[in-house]
Amino acid sequence: MAALVWLLIPVAAAVVALLWGTWAARNRKSGDISELAGYARFREAMERREAMERQDSGTGVS
């Protein structure tokens, strides 16, 4: 019986590896479109920040 328990360990590891491999290879719905939209929002926020900093530096307020 003990030999069967020791055999169960690599079998369980193989099943876990199979499940993980299937999960890792799945098709993701988000894709590049959502990433590009997030990057565009980031760029807009940074441009607004730079504009605000330029505006503040022109008034002499630090």
Protein backbone atom coordinates (compact mmCIF):
# COMPACT_ATOMS: atom_id res chain seq x y z
CA MET A 1 0.00 0.00 0.00
CA ALA A 2 2.86 2.38 0.77
CA ALA A 3 4.21 1.93 -2.77
CA LEU A 4 0.89 3.09 -4.18
CA VAL A 5 0.99 6.23 -2.04
CA TRP A 6 4.49 7.01 -3.33
CA LEU A 7 3.27 6.46 -6.90
CA LEU A 8 0.36 8.83 -6.28
CA ILE A 9 2.72 11.78 -5.64
CA PRO A 10 4.17 12.01 -9.19
CA VAL A 11 0.76 11.27 -10.70
CA ALA A 12 -0.78 14.14 -8.72
CA ALA A 13 2.12 16.40 -9.74
CA ALA A 14 1.52 15.51 -13.40
CA VAL A 15 -2.18 16.33 -13.08
CA VAL A 16 -1.38 19.67 -11.45
CA ALA A 17 1.17 20.44 -14.19
CA LEU A 18 -1.38 19.56 -16.86
CA LEU A 19 -4.00 21.83 -15.31
CA TRP A 20 -1.52 24.69 -14.93
CA GLY A 21 -0.31 24.29 -18.52
CA THR A 22 -3.88 24.38 -19.80
CA TRP A 23 -4.62 27.49 -17.74
CA ALA A 24 -1.41 29.25 -18.82
CA ALA A 25 -2.09 28.61 -22.52
CA ARG A 26 -5.67 29.88 -22.46
CA ASN A 27 -6.87 32.61 -24.78
CA ARG A 28 -7.03 35.90 -23.00
CA LYS A 29 -9.84 38.25 -23.90
CA SER A 30 -8.13 41.54 -23.01
CA GLY A 31 -5.41 41.60 -25.67
CA ASP A 32 -3.56 44.63 -26.92
CA ILE A 33 -6.55 46.94 -27.23
CA SER A 34 -7.09 47.39 -23.50
CA GLU A 35 -3.34 47.73 -22.92
CA LEU A 36 -3.06 50.42 -25.58
CA ALA A 37 -6.05 52.26 -24.12
CA GLY A 38 -4.41 52.19 -20.69
CA TYR A 39 -1.18 53.50 -22.13
CA ALA A 40 -3.06 56.33 -23.88
CA ARG A 41 -4.71 57.31 -20.58
CA PHE A 42 -1.29 57.27 -18.90
CA ARG A 43 0.21 59.53 -21.59
CA GLU A 44 -2.70 61.98 -21.28
CA ALA A 45 -2.29 62.12 -17.51
CA MET A 46 1.44 62.75 -17.82
CA GLU A 47 0.86 65.49 -20.39
CA ARG A 48 -1.67 67.18 -18.10
CA ARG A 49 0.82 66.98 -15.23
CA GLU A 50 3.60 68.53 -17.33
CA ALA A 51 1.26 71.30 -18.47
CA MET A 52 0.30 72.02 -14.87
CA GLU A 53 3.96 72.10 -13.82
CA ARG A 54 4.82 74.50 -16.65
CA GLN A 55 1.87 76.70 -15.66
CA ASP A 56 2.92 76.71 -11.99
CA SER A 57 6.55 77.48 -12.80
CA GLY A 58 5.50 80.50 -14.87
CA THR A 59 3.71 82.11 -11.93
CA GLY A 60 6.72 81.95 -9.62
CA VAL A 61 4.95 79.65 -7.15
CA SER A 62 6.93 76.59 -6.15
